[in-house]
Amino acid sequence: MGAGATLVGMAWGTTTIIYCNAMRRVAFFKRPWEHVLAAGIFAWGCNKVVQYEGWAEQRVYEETMRRIEANQGVLDDEYRRTLGMYYDKWFPEKS
């Protein structure tokens, strides 16, 4: 998703500057360095959002597994009822 996030960020940054210039009623490309700067910042930001999404997904999974293992003996019957046929996915048989 790196190239897609970069392209979306660059387009978003450039469009933002063009829109701001249109609102100020000046030429769209009055200061072209602003477009380059905004495109770079927004591309970096979009890539950071993609990185954060992957990090957050992994962190939520780890925290969920930690809490499930901490309460497995106490809440095992409730987990079986709640998860149903997916119980074996979350609680594989330990060899």
N, C-alpha and C. Protein backbone atom coordinates (compact mmCIF):
# COMPACT_ATOMS: atom_id res chain seq x y z
N MET A 1 0.83 -1.19 0.00
CA MET A 1 0.00 0.00 0.00
C MET A 1 0.87 1.25 0.00
N GLY A 2 2.18 1.11 -0.01
CA GLY A 2 3.07 2.26 0.06
C GLY A 2 2.90 3.23 -1.09
N ALA A 3 2.87 2.71 -2.31
CA ALA A 3 2.73 3.60 -3.48
C ALA A 3 1.35 4.23 -3.51
N GLY A 4 0.34 3.48 -3.16
CA GLY A 4 -1.02 4.03 -3.15
C GLY A 4 -1.18 5.13 -2.12
N ALA A 5 -0.63 4.91 -0.92
CA ALA A 5 -0.71 5.93 0.13
C ALA A 5 0.08 7.17 -0.27
N THR A 6 1.22 6.97 -0.91
CA THR A 6 2.03 8.11 -1.35
C THR A 6 1.28 8.93 -2.39
N LEU A 7 0.69 8.26 -3.37
CA LEU A 7 -0.04 8.98 -4.41
C LEU A 7 -1.27 9.70 -3.85
N VAL A 8 -1.99 9.06 -2.96
CA VAL A 8 -3.15 9.70 -2.35
C VAL A 8 -2.72 10.91 -1.54
N GLY A 9 -1.66 10.77 -0.77
CA GLY A 9 -1.16 11.89 0.03
C GLY A 9 -0.69 13.06 -0.82
N MET A 10 0.03 12.76 -1.89
CA MET A 10 0.50 13.83 -2.77
C MET A 10 -0.67 14.55 -3.43
N ALA A 11 -1.64 13.79 -3.90
CA ALA A 11 -2.81 14.41 -4.53
C ALA A 11 -3.59 15.24 -3.52
N TRP A 12 -3.73 14.73 -2.33
CA TRP A 12 -4.47 15.44 -1.29
C TRP A 12 -3.75 16.75 -0.91
N GLY A 13 -2.45 16.69 -0.77
CA GLY A 13 -1.68 17.89 -0.42
C GLY A 13 -1.73 18.95 -1.50
N THR A 14 -1.55 18.54 -2.75
CA THR A 14 -1.60 19.48 -3.85
C THR A 14 -2.98 20.09 -3.99
N THR A 15 -4.00 19.26 -3.87
CA THR A 15 -5.37 19.75 -3.99
C THR A 15 -5.71 20.71 -2.86
N THR A 16 -5.20 20.45 -1.68
CA THR A 16 -5.45 21.36 -0.55
C THR A 16 -4.90 22.75 -0.83
N ILE A 17 -3.68 22.83 -1.34
CA ILE A 17 -3.08 24.14 -1.64
C ILE A 17 -3.83 24.83 -2.77
N ILE A 18 -4.20 24.09 -3.80
CA ILE A 18 -4.96 24.69 -4.90
C ILE A 18 -6.29 25.23 -4.39
N TYR A 19 -6.95 24.46 -3.53
CA TYR A 19 -8.24 24.90 -2.96
C TYR A 19 -8.06 26.15 -2.11
N CYS A 20 -7.00 26.19 -1.30
CA CYS A 20 -6.74 27.37 -0.47
C CYS A 20 -6.48 28.60 -1.34
N ASN A 21 -5.72 28.43 -2.40
CA ASN A 21 -5.47 29.55 -3.31
C ASN A 21 -6.75 30.00 -4.01
N ALA A 22 -7.61 29.06 -4.34
CA ALA A 22 -8.88 29.43 -4.98
C ALA A 22 -9.76 30.20 -4.00
N MET A 23 -9.76 29.79 -2.73
CA MET A 23 -10.54 30.51 -1.73
C MET A 23 -10.02 31.94 -1.52
N ARG A 24 -8.71 32.12 -1.65
CA ARG A 24 -8.10 33.44 -1.50
C ARG A 24 -8.21 34.26 -2.78
N ARG A 25 -8.70 33.66 -3.83
CA ARG A 25 -8.86 34.30 -5.15
C ARG A 25 -7.53 34.81 -5.71
N VAL A 26 -6.52 33.93 -5.63
CA VAL A 26 -5.23 34.20 -6.26
C VAL A 26 -4.98 33.09 -7.28
N ALA A 27 -3.93 33.23 -8.05
CA ALA A 27 -3.61 32.21 -9.04
C ALA A 27 -3.39 30.87 -8.33
N PHE A 28 -3.85 29.79 -8.97
CA PHE A 28 -3.76 28.46 -8.35
C PHE A 28 -2.33 28.10 -7.99
N PHE A 29 -1.39 28.43 -8.86
CA PHE A 29 0.01 28.07 -8.64
C PHE A 29 0.85 29.32 -8.35
N LYS A 30 0.35 30.18 -7.46
CA LYS A 30 1.05 31.42 -7.14
C LYS A 30 2.43 31.14 -6.55
N ARG A 31 2.52 30.24 -5.60
CA ARG A 31 3.80 29.86 -5.00
C ARG A 31 3.95 28.34 -5.17
N PRO A 32 4.60 27.91 -6.24
CA PRO A 32 4.65 26.47 -6.54
C PRO A 32 5.39 25.64 -5.49
N TRP A 33 6.28 26.25 -4.74
CA TRP A 33 6.99 25.48 -3.72
C TRP A 33 6.03 24.98 -2.64
N GLU A 34 4.91 25.69 -2.43
CA GLU A 34 3.93 25.23 -1.45
C GLU A 34 3.31 23.90 -1.87
N HIS A 35 3.11 23.74 -3.17
CA HIS A 35 2.51 22.50 -3.67
C HIS A 35 3.45 21.32 -3.42
N VAL A 36 4.73 21.52 -3.68
CA VAL A 36 5.71 20.46 -3.47
C VAL A 36 5.82 20.13 -1.99
N LEU A 37 5.87 21.14 -1.16
CA LEU A 37 5.97 20.94 0.28
C LEU A 37 4.74 20.23 0.83
N ALA A 38 3.55 20.67 0.44
CA ALA A 38 2.32 20.05 0.91
C ALA A 38 2.21 18.61 0.42
N ALA A 39 2.58 18.37 -0.84
CA ALA A 39 2.52 17.01 -1.38
C ALA A 39 3.44 16.08 -0.58
N GLY A 40 4.64 16.56 -0.25
CA GLY A 40 5.57 15.74 0.52
C GLY A 40 5.07 15.47 1.93
N ILE A 41 4.55 16.48 2.59
CA ILE A 41 4.06 16.31 3.96
C ILE A 41 2.85 15.39 3.99
N PHE A 42 1.92 15.58 3.07
CA PHE A 42 0.73 14.73 3.06
C PHE A 42 1.08 13.29 2.66
N ALA A 43 2.04 13.09 1.76
CA ALA A 43 2.46 11.74 1.40
C ALA A 43 3.08 11.05 2.61
N TRP A 44 3.93 11.78 3.34
CA TRP A 44 4.53 11.22 4.56
C TRP A 44 3.44 10.87 5.57
N GLY A 45 2.47 11.76 5.74
CA GLY A 45 1.39 11.52 6.68
C GLY A 45 0.55 10.31 6.32
N CYS A 46 0.23 10.15 5.05
CA CYS A 46 -0.56 8.98 4.63
C CYS A 46 0.22 7.69 4.85
N ASN A 47 1.51 7.70 4.60
CA ASN A 47 2.32 6.51 4.86
C ASN A 47 2.39 6.20 6.35
N LYS A 48 2.44 7.22 7.19
CA LYS A 48 2.42 7.00 8.64
C LYS A 48 1.10 6.41 9.09
N VAL A 49 -0.01 6.83 8.47
CA VAL A 49 -1.31 6.27 8.82
C VAL A 49 -1.35 4.78 8.48
N VAL A 50 -0.79 4.40 7.34
CA VAL A 50 -0.75 2.99 6.96
C VAL A 50 0.13 2.20 7.94
N GLN A 51 1.28 2.76 8.32
CA GLN A 51 2.13 2.10 9.30
C GLN A 51 1.43 1.95 10.64
N TYR A 52 0.74 2.99 11.07
CA TYR A 52 0.04 2.95 12.34
C TYR A 52 -1.07 1.90 12.32
N GLU A 53 -1.75 1.79 11.20
CA GLU A 53 -2.82 0.80 11.09
C GLU A 53 -2.28 -0.61 11.31
N GLY A 54 -1.15 -0.92 10.68
CA GLY A 54 -0.53 -2.24 10.88
C GLY A 54 -0.07 -2.45 12.30
N TRP A 55 0.54 -1.41 12.90
CA TRP A 55 1.00 -1.52 14.28
C TRP A 55 -0.18 -1.71 15.23
N ALA A 56 -1.25 -0.94 15.03
CA ALA A 56 -2.41 -1.02 15.92
C ALA A 56 -3.09 -2.38 15.82
N GLU A 57 -3.18 -2.91 14.60
CA GLU A 57 -3.79 -4.23 14.43
C GLU A 57 -3.00 -5.30 15.19
N GLN A 58 -1.68 -5.26 15.08
CA GLN A 58 -0.83 -6.21 15.79
C GLN A 58 -0.94 -6.03 17.30
N ARG A 59 -0.99 -4.79 17.75
CA ARG A 59 -1.08 -4.51 19.19
C ARG A 59 -2.41 -4.98 19.77
N VAL A 60 -3.50 -4.76 19.04
CA VAL A 60 -4.81 -5.22 19.50
C VAL A 60 -4.83 -6.74 19.59
N TYR A 61 -4.25 -7.42 18.60
CA TYR A 61 -4.20 -8.88 18.61
C TYR A 61 -3.41 -9.38 19.83
N GLU A 62 -2.23 -8.78 20.08
CA GLU A 62 -1.41 -9.21 21.22
C GLU A 62 -2.14 -8.98 22.54
N GLU A 63 -2.77 -7.82 22.69
CA GLU A 63 -3.47 -7.52 23.93
C GLU A 63 -4.67 -8.44 24.12
N THR A 64 -5.38 -8.73 23.04
CA THR A 64 -6.51 -9.65 23.12
C THR A 64 -6.04 -11.03 23.55
N MET A 65 -4.98 -11.52 22.95
CA MET A 65 -4.46 -12.84 23.32
C MET A 65 -3.97 -12.85 24.77
N ARG A 66 -3.34 -11.77 25.22
CA ARG A 66 -2.87 -11.70 26.60
C ARG A 66 -4.04 -11.76 27.58
N ARG A 67 -5.10 -11.02 27.29
CA ARG A 67 -6.26 -11.02 28.18
C ARG A 67 -7.01 -12.35 28.14
N ILE A 68 -7.08 -12.95 26.97
CA ILE A 68 -7.76 -14.24 26.87
C ILE A 68 -6.99 -15.29 27.66
N GLU A 69 -5.66 -15.32 27.54
CA GLU A 69 -4.86 -16.30 28.28
C GLU A 69 -4.93 -16.06 29.78
N ALA A 70 -5.01 -14.80 30.20
CA ALA A 70 -5.08 -14.50 31.63
C ALA A 70 -6.40 -14.98 32.23
N ASN A 71 -7.47 -14.96 31.46
CA ASN A 71 -8.80 -15.31 31.98
C ASN A 71 -9.32 -16.64 31.46
N GLN A 72 -8.51 -17.41 30.78
CA GLN A 72 -9.02 -18.62 30.13
C GLN A 72 -9.61 -19.61 31.12
N GLY A 73 -8.95 -19.87 32.21
CA GLY A 73 -9.47 -20.84 33.17
C GLY A 73 -10.75 -20.37 33.83
N VAL A 74 -10.85 -19.09 34.09
CA VAL A 74 -12.00 -18.53 34.78
C VAL A 74 -13.22 -18.43 33.86
N LEU A 75 -13.00 -18.00 32.64
CA LEU A 75 -14.11 -17.72 31.73
C LEU A 75 -14.20 -18.69 30.55
N ASP A 76 -13.67 -19.90 30.71
CA ASP A 76 -13.61 -20.84 29.59
C ASP A 76 -14.99 -21.18 29.03
N ASP A 77 -15.97 -21.41 29.88
CA ASP A 77 -17.31 -21.75 29.39
C ASP A 77 -17.94 -20.58 28.65
N GLU A 78 -17.72 -19.36 29.14
CA GLU A 78 -18.27 -18.18 28.46
C GLU A 78 -17.61 -17.99 27.09
N TYR A 79 -16.28 -18.24 27.01
CA TYR A 79 -15.59 -18.15 25.73
C TYR A 79 -16.15 -19.17 24.74
N ARG A 80 -16.41 -20.38 25.20
CA ARG A 80 -16.96 -21.41 24.32
C ARG A 80 -18.33 -20.99 23.77
N ARG A 81 -19.18 -20.43 24.62
CA ARG A 81 -20.50 -19.96 24.17
C ARG A 81 -20.39 -18.79 23.20
N THR A 82 -19.52 -17.85 23.51
CA THR A 82 -19.40 -16.64 22.70
C THR A 82 -18.77 -16.92 21.35
N LEU A 83 -17.68 -17.67 21.34
CA LEU A 83 -16.94 -17.91 20.10
C LEU A 83 -17.54 -19.03 19.26
N GLY A 84 -18.25 -19.94 19.86
CA GLY A 84 -18.87 -21.03 19.11
C GLY A 84 -17.86 -21.87 18.38
N MET A 85 -18.04 -22.01 17.07
CA MET A 85 -17.14 -22.86 16.29
C MET A 85 -15.76 -22.25 16.10
N TYR A 86 -15.58 -20.97 16.43
CA TYR A 86 -14.27 -20.33 16.30
C TYR A 86 -13.42 -20.47 17.56
N TYR A 87 -13.92 -21.19 18.53
CA TYR A 87 -13.18 -21.36 19.79
C TYR A 87 -11.81 -21.99 19.54
N ASP A 88 -11.75 -23.00 18.66
CA ASP A 88 -10.48 -23.68 18.40
C ASP A 88 -9.45 -22.77 17.71
N LYS A 89 -9.92 -21.76 16.99
CA LYS A 89 -9.00 -20.83 16.35
C LYS A 89 -8.25 -20.01 17.40
N TRP A 90 -8.97 -19.54 18.42
CA TRP A 90 -8.37 -18.71 19.45
C TRP A 90 -7.70 -19.53 20.55
N PHE A 91 -8.18 -20.75 20.77
CA PHE A 91 -7.61 -21.60 21.82
C PHE A 91 -7.20 -22.95 21.23
N PRO A 92 -6.11 -22.97 20.47
CA PRO A 92 -5.67 -24.26 19.90
C PRO A 92 -5.20 -25.19 21.02
N GLU A 93 -5.33 -26.45 20.76
CA GLU A 93 -4.89 -27.45 21.73
C GLU A 93 -3.38 -27.37 21.89
N LYS A 94 -2.91 -27.25 23.14
CA LYS A 94 -1.48 -27.13 23.38
C LYS A 94 -0.87 -28.52 23.48
N SER A 95 0.20 -28.72 22.70
CA SER A 95 0.84 -30.04 22.66
C SER A 95 1.86 -30.19 23.77
